[in-house]
Amino acid sequence: MSNATYNLHLKGFVGGADFDRNYVDFVLAQNSEQSVSVLIDSLGGSLATALSIASAFRFIFEKTK
């Protein structure tokens, strides 16, 4: 894994037009050789979408171990 870091800032409503699992998967795939630093700035949204996003991060973490 590279020392470069990609900063992912997710801001807005979880699961709406702002960001969802597909967007997170896309960004992680585009930056698979970099460490990804994530900031989530959201007042709410879909619990199911939030859990699927958390699952995506767990999957990537387990894959890179």
PDB file of N, CA and C in Angstrom:
ATOM      1  N   MET A   1       0.841  -1.180   0.000  1.00  0.00           N
ATOM      2  CA  MET A   1       0.000   0.000   0.000  1.00  0.00           C
ATOM      3  C   MET A   1       0.884   1.241   0.000  1.00  0.00           C
ATOM      4  N   SER A   2       0.508   2.204  -0.759  1.00  0.00           N
ATOM      5  CA  SER A   2       1.241   3.448  -0.894  1.00  0.00           C
ATOM      6  C   SER A   2       1.127   4.305   0.363  1.00  0.00           C
ATOM      7  N   ASN A   3       2.068   5.229   0.530  1.00  0.00           N
ATOM      8  CA  ASN A   3       2.012   6.160   1.651  1.00  0.00           C
ATOM      9  C   ASN A   3       1.069   7.320   1.383  1.00  0.00           C
ATOM     10  N   ALA A   4       0.621   7.465   0.139  1.00  0.00           N
ATOM     11  CA  ALA A   4      -0.285   8.552  -0.209  1.00  0.00           C
ATOM     12  C   ALA A   4      -1.626   8.363   0.490  1.00  0.00           C
ATOM     13  N   THR A   5      -2.258   9.453   0.823  1.00  0.00           N
ATOM     14  CA  THR A   5      -3.556   9.407   1.489  1.00  0.00           C
ATOM     15  C   THR A   5      -4.587  10.155   0.664  1.00  0.00           C
ATOM     16  N   TYR A   6      -5.760   9.549   0.530  1.00  0.00           N
ATOM     17  CA  TYR A   6      -6.887  10.201  -0.121  1.00  0.00           C
ATOM     18  C   TYR A   6      -7.857  10.628   0.964  1.00  0.00           C
ATOM     19  N   ASN A   7      -8.264  11.877   0.969  1.00  0.00           N
ATOM     20  CA  ASN A   7      -9.209  12.391   1.950  1.00  0.00           C
ATOM     21  C   ASN A   7     -10.619  12.351   1.375  1.00  0.00           C
ATOM     22  N   LEU A   8     -11.482  11.561   2.011  1.00  0.00           N
ATOM     23  CA  LEU A   8     -12.871  11.408   1.577  1.00  0.00           C
ATOM     24  C   LEU A   8     -13.759  12.132   2.576  1.00  0.00           C
ATOM     25  N   HIS A   9     -14.385  13.216   2.140  1.00  0.00           N
ATOM     26  CA  HIS A   9     -15.272  13.992   3.005  1.00  0.00           C
ATOM     27  C   HIS A   9     -16.708  13.763   2.543  1.00  0.00           C
ATOM     28  N   LEU A  10     -17.456  13.029   3.351  1.00  0.00           N
ATOM     29  CA  LEU A  10     -18.856  12.745   3.048  1.00  0.00           C
ATOM     30  C   LEU A  10     -19.714  13.733   3.827  1.00  0.00           C
ATOM     31  N   LYS A  11     -20.371  14.615   3.115  1.00  0.00           N
ATOM     32  CA  LYS A  11     -21.164  15.656   3.772  1.00  0.00           C
ATOM     33  C   LYS A  11     -22.565  15.654   3.202  1.00  0.00           C
ATOM     34  N   GLY A  12     -23.537  15.652   4.092  1.00  0.00           N
ATOM     35  CA  GLY A  12     -24.915  15.716   3.645  1.00  0.00           C
ATOM     36  C   GLY A  12     -25.741  14.578   4.204  1.00  0.00           C
ATOM     37  N   PHE A  13     -26.806  14.269   3.523  1.00  0.00           N
ATOM     38  CA  PHE A  13     -27.779  13.269   3.938  1.00  0.00           C
ATOM     39  C   PHE A  13     -27.325  11.887   3.488  1.00  0.00           C
ATOM     40  N   VAL A  14     -27.193  10.957   4.424  1.00  0.00           N
ATOM     41  CA  VAL A  14     -26.775   9.592   4.092  1.00  0.00           C
ATOM     42  C   VAL A  14     -27.889   8.887   3.324  1.00  0.00           C
ATOM     43  N   GLY A  15     -27.553   8.413   2.134  1.00  0.00           N
ATOM     44  CA  GLY A  15     -28.509   7.659   1.340  1.00  0.00           C
ATOM     45  C   GLY A  15     -29.292   8.484   0.347  1.00  0.00           C
ATOM     46  N   GLY A  16     -29.128   9.766   0.379  1.00  0.00           N
ATOM     47  CA  GLY A  16     -29.827  10.613  -0.578  1.00  0.00           C
ATOM     48  C   GLY A  16     -28.936  10.899  -1.776  1.00  0.00           C
ATOM     49  N   ALA A  17     -29.158  12.012  -2.403  1.00  0.00           N
ATOM     50  CA  ALA A  17     -28.336  12.402  -3.546  1.00  0.00           C
ATOM     51  C   ALA A  17     -26.934  12.800  -3.109  1.00  0.00           C
ATOM     52  N   ASP A  18     -26.740  13.050  -1.804  1.00  0.00           N
ATOM     53  CA  ASP A  18     -25.444  13.502  -1.302  1.00  0.00           C
ATOM     54  C   ASP A  18     -24.396  12.393  -1.343  1.00  0.00           C
ATOM     55  N   PHE A  19     -24.674  11.240  -0.731  1.00  0.00           N
ATOM     56  CA  PHE A  19     -23.777  10.102  -0.829  1.00  0.00           C
ATOM     57  C   PHE A  19     -24.480   8.821  -0.407  1.00  0.00           C
ATOM     58  N   ASP A  20     -24.023   7.718  -1.022  1.00  0.00           N
ATOM     59  CA  ASP A  20     -24.584   6.400  -0.727  1.00  0.00           C
ATOM     60  C   ASP A  20     -23.491   5.345  -0.871  1.00  0.00           C
ATOM     61  N   ARG A  21     -23.846   4.088  -0.729  1.00  0.00           N
ATOM     62  CA  ARG A  21     -22.871   2.990  -0.782  1.00  0.00           C
ATOM     63  C   ARG A  21     -22.175   2.932  -2.134  1.00  0.00           C
ATOM     64  N   ASN A  22     -22.893   3.157  -3.211  1.00  0.00           N
ATOM     65  CA  ASN A  22     -22.284   3.103  -4.549  1.00  0.00           C
ATOM     66  C   ASN A  22     -21.191   4.151  -4.706  1.00  0.00           C
ATOM     67  N   TYR A  23     -21.441   5.355  -4.180  1.00  0.00           N
ATOM     68  CA  TYR A  23     -20.441   6.425  -4.250  1.00  0.00           C
ATOM     69  C   TYR A  23     -19.197   6.048  -3.453  1.00  0.00           C
ATOM     70  N   VAL A  24     -19.394   5.533  -2.239  1.00  0.00           N
ATOM     71  CA  VAL A  24     -18.271   5.136  -1.396  1.00  0.00           C
ATOM     72  C   VAL A  24     -17.490   3.999  -2.061  1.00  0.00           C
ATOM     73  N   ASP A  25     -18.184   2.991  -2.591  1.00  0.00           N
ATOM     74  CA  ASP A  25     -17.515   1.900  -3.297  1.00  0.00           C
ATOM     75  C   ASP A  25     -16.685   2.423  -4.464  1.00  0.00           C
ATOM     76  N   PHE A  26     -17.234   3.365  -5.219  1.00  0.00           N
ATOM     77  CA  PHE A  26     -16.535   3.952  -6.360  1.00  0.00           C
ATOM     78  C   PHE A  26     -15.256   4.647  -5.915  1.00  0.00           C
ATOM     79  N   VAL A  27     -15.355   5.476  -4.878  1.00  0.00           N
ATOM     80  CA  VAL A  27     -14.180   6.216  -4.396  1.00  0.00           C
ATOM     81  C   VAL A  27     -13.122   5.252  -3.857  1.00  0.00           C
ATOM     82  N   LEU A  28     -13.533   4.250  -3.089  1.00  0.00           N
ATOM     83  CA  LEU A  28     -12.574   3.286  -2.550  1.00  0.00           C
ATOM     84  C   LEU A  28     -11.887   2.516  -3.679  1.00  0.00           C
ATOM     85  N   ALA A  29     -12.630   2.138  -4.711  1.00  0.00           N
ATOM     86  CA  ALA A  29     -12.044   1.407  -5.838  1.00  0.00           C
ATOM     87  C   ALA A  29     -11.044   2.281  -6.599  1.00  0.00           C
ATOM     88  N   GLN A  30     -11.345   3.561  -6.753  1.00  0.00           N
ATOM     89  CA  GLN A  30     -10.460   4.479  -7.466  1.00  0.00           C
ATOM     90  C   GLN A  30      -9.171   4.748  -6.691  1.00  0.00           C
ATOM     91  N   ASN A  31      -9.211   4.545  -5.383  1.00  0.00           N
ATOM     92  CA  ASN A  31      -8.063   4.854  -4.526  1.00  0.00           C
ATOM     93  C   ASN A  31      -7.581   3.625  -3.769  1.00  0.00           C
ATOM     94  N   SER A  32      -7.659   2.468  -4.403  1.00  0.00           N
ATOM     95  CA  SER A  32      -7.347   1.210  -3.733  1.00  0.00           C
ATOM     96  C   SER A  32      -5.884   1.091  -3.319  1.00  0.00           C
ATOM     97  N   GLU A  33      -5.007   1.849  -3.930  1.00  0.00           N
ATOM     98  CA  GLU A  33      -3.584   1.790  -3.581  1.00  0.00           C
ATOM     99  C   GLU A  33      -3.195   2.835  -2.542  1.00  0.00           C
ATOM    100  N   GLN A  34      -4.165   3.590  -2.044  1.00  0.00           N
ATOM    101  CA  GLN A  34      -3.878   4.654  -1.089  1.00  0.00           C
ATOM    102  C   GLN A  34      -4.598   4.405   0.223  1.00  0.00           C
ATOM    103  N   SER A  35      -4.054   4.988   1.285  1.00  0.00           N
ATOM    104  CA  SER A  35      -4.790   5.038   2.545  1.00  0.00           C
ATOM    105  C   SER A  35      -5.913   6.045   2.354  1.00  0.00           C
ATOM    106  N   VAL A  36      -7.070   5.755   2.904  1.00  0.00           N
ATOM    107  CA  VAL A  36      -8.205   6.666   2.769  1.00  0.00           C
ATOM    108  C   VAL A  36      -8.579   7.183   4.143  1.00  0.00           C
ATOM    109  N   SER A  37      -8.574   8.502   4.288  1.00  0.00           N
ATOM    110  CA  SER A  37      -8.992   9.166   5.509  1.00  0.00           C
ATOM    111  C   SER A  37     -10.418   9.659   5.288  1.00  0.00           C
ATOM    112  N   VAL A  38     -11.333   9.316   6.203  1.00  0.00           N
ATOM    113  CA  VAL A  38     -12.749   9.603   5.997  1.00  0.00           C
ATOM    114  C   VAL A  38     -13.274  10.562   7.067  1.00  0.00           C
ATOM    115  N   LEU A  39     -14.014  11.570   6.629  1.00  0.00           N
ATOM    116  CA  LEU A  39     -14.730  12.470   7.523  1.00  0.00           C
ATOM    117  C   LEU A  39     -16.196  12.430   7.104  1.00  0.00           C
ATOM    118  N   ILE A  40     -17.065  12.032   8.034  1.00  0.00           N
ATOM    119  CA  ILE A  40     -18.496  12.011   7.747  1.00  0.00           C
ATOM    120  C   ILE A  40     -19.142  13.153   8.518  1.00  0.00           C
ATOM    121  N   ASP A  41     -19.777  14.054   7.791  1.00  0.00           N
ATOM    122  CA  ASP A  41     -20.423  15.226   8.364  1.00  0.00           C
ATOM    123  C   ASP A  41     -21.888  15.187   7.932  1.00  0.00           C
ATOM    124  N   SER A  42     -22.711  14.507   8.736  1.00  0.00           N
ATOM    125  CA  SER A  42     -24.098  14.313   8.363  1.00  0.00           C
ATOM    126  C   SER A  42     -24.997  14.450   9.578  1.00  0.00           C
ATOM    127  N   LEU A  43     -26.134  15.082   9.384  1.00  0.00           N
ATOM    128  CA  LEU A  43     -27.112  15.216  10.463  1.00  0.00           C
ATOM    129  C   LEU A  43     -28.090  14.052  10.490  1.00  0.00           C
ATOM    130  N   GLY A  44     -27.993  13.160   9.523  1.00  0.00           N
ATOM    131  CA  GLY A  44     -28.916  12.032   9.523  1.00  0.00           C
ATOM    132  C   GLY A  44     -29.026  11.399   8.164  1.00  0.00           C
ATOM    133  N   GLY A  45     -29.983  10.510   8.088  1.00  0.00           N
ATOM    134  CA  GLY A  45     -30.204   9.821   6.837  1.00  0.00           C
ATOM    135  C   GLY A  45     -30.672   8.403   7.073  1.00  0.00           C
ATOM    136  N   SER A  46     -30.434   7.581   6.108  1.00  0.00           N
ATOM    137  CA  SER A  46     -30.894   6.205   6.122  1.00  0.00           C
ATOM    138  C   SER A  46     -29.947   5.326   6.942  1.00  0.00           C
ATOM    139  N   LEU A  47     -30.484   4.659   7.949  1.00  0.00           N
ATOM    140  CA  LEU A  47     -29.674   3.757   8.760  1.00  0.00           C
ATOM    141  C   LEU A  47     -29.148   2.596   7.927  1.00  0.00           C
ATOM    142  N   ALA A  48     -29.982   2.026   7.068  1.00  0.00           N
ATOM    143  CA  ALA A  48     -29.555   0.904   6.230  1.00  0.00           C
ATOM    144  C   ALA A  48     -28.380   1.304   5.333  1.00  0.00           C
ATOM    145  N   THR A  49     -28.427   2.506   4.773  1.00  0.00           N
ATOM    146  CA  THR A  49     -27.338   2.983   3.918  1.00  0.00           C
ATOM    147  C   THR A  49     -26.079   3.205   4.743  1.00  0.00           C
ATOM    148  N   ALA A  50     -26.225   3.791   5.918  1.00  0.00           N
ATOM    149  CA  ALA A  50     -25.064   4.017   6.789  1.00  0.00           C
ATOM    150  C   ALA A  50     -24.403   2.700   7.160  1.00  0.00           C
ATOM    151  N   LEU A  51     -25.191   1.681   7.465  1.00  0.00           N
ATOM    152  CA  LEU A  51     -24.638   0.372   7.814  1.00  0.00           C
ATOM    153  C   LEU A  51     -23.962  -0.280   6.613  1.00  0.00           C
ATOM    154  N   SER A  52     -24.506  -0.089   5.410  1.00  0.00           N
ATOM    155  CA  SER A  52     -23.873  -0.667   4.228  1.00  0.00           C
ATOM    156  C   SER A  52     -22.553   0.047   3.916  1.00  0.00           C
ATOM    157  N   ILE A  53     -22.468   1.348   4.192  1.00  0.00           N
ATOM    158  CA  ILE A  53     -21.218   2.084   4.010  1.00  0.00           C
ATOM    159  C   ILE A  53     -20.184   1.580   5.021  1.00  0.00           C
ATOM    160  N   ALA A  54     -20.589   1.401   6.266  1.00  0.00           N
ATOM    161  CA  ALA A  54     -19.682   0.860   7.284  1.00  0.00           C
ATOM    162  C   ALA A  54     -19.193  -0.525   6.877  1.00  0.00           C
ATOM    163  N   SER A  55     -20.070  -1.322   6.300  1.00  0.00           N
ATOM    164  CA  SER A  55     -19.706  -2.656   5.830  1.00  0.00           C
ATOM    165  C   SER A  55     -18.660  -2.573   4.715  1.00  0.00           C
ATOM    166  N   ALA A  56     -18.781  -1.591   3.837  1.00  0.00           N
ATOM    167  CA  ALA A  56     -17.808  -1.411   2.753  1.00  0.00           C
ATOM    168  C   ALA A  56     -16.428  -1.132   3.325  1.00  0.00           C
ATOM    169  N   PHE A  57     -16.364  -0.278   4.342  1.00  0.00           N
ATOM    170  CA  PHE A  57     -15.075   0.029   4.960  1.00  0.00           C
ATOM    171  C   PHE A  57     -14.502  -1.192   5.669  1.00  0.00           C
ATOM    172  N   ARG A  58     -15.343  -1.970   6.341  1.00  0.00           N
ATOM    173  CA  ARG A  58     -14.862  -3.189   7.007  1.00  0.00           C
ATOM    174  C   ARG A  58     -14.324  -4.177   5.983  1.00  0.00           C
ATOM    175  N   PHE A  59     -15.021  -4.321   4.865  1.00  0.00           N
ATOM    176  CA  PHE A  59     -14.597  -5.240   3.809  1.00  0.00           C
ATOM    177  C   PHE A  59     -13.222  -4.831   3.268  1.00  0.00           C
ATOM    178  N   ILE A  60     -13.047  -3.549   2.981  1.00  0.00           N
ATOM    179  CA  ILE A  60     -11.767  -3.061   2.456  1.00  0.00           C
ATOM    180  C   ILE A  60     -10.667  -3.260   3.490  1.00  0.00           C
ATOM    181  N   PHE A  61     -10.964  -2.990   4.764  1.00  0.00           N
ATOM    182  CA  PHE A  61      -9.972  -3.152   5.829  1.00  0.00           C
ATOM    183  C   PHE A  61      -9.537  -4.613   5.935  1.00  0.00           C
ATOM    184  N   GLU A  62     -10.487  -5.524   5.910  1.00  0.00           N
ATOM    185  CA  GLU A  62     -10.149  -6.952   6.009  1.00  0.00           C
ATOM    186  C   GLU A  62      -9.361  -7.409   4.785  1.00  0.00           C
ATOM    187  N   LYS A  63      -9.689  -6.864   3.630  1.00  0.00           N
ATOM    188  CA  LYS A  63      -9.021  -7.243   2.378  1.00  0.00           C
ATOM    189  C   LYS A  63      -7.557  -6.782   2.369  1.00  0.00           C
ATOM    190  N   THR A  64      -7.263  -5.680   3.038  1.00  0.00           N
ATOM    191  CA  THR A  64      -5.907  -5.124   3.008  1.00  0.00           C
ATOM    192  C   THR A  64      -5.031  -5.632   4.143  1.00  0.00           C
ATOM    193  N   LYS A  65      -5.566  -6.428   5.045  1.00  0.00           N
ATOM    194  CA  LYS A  65      -4.764  -6.954   6.157  1.00  0.00           C
ATOM    195  C   LYS A  65      -3.746  -7.947   5.682  1.00  0.00           C
TER     196      LYS A  65
END
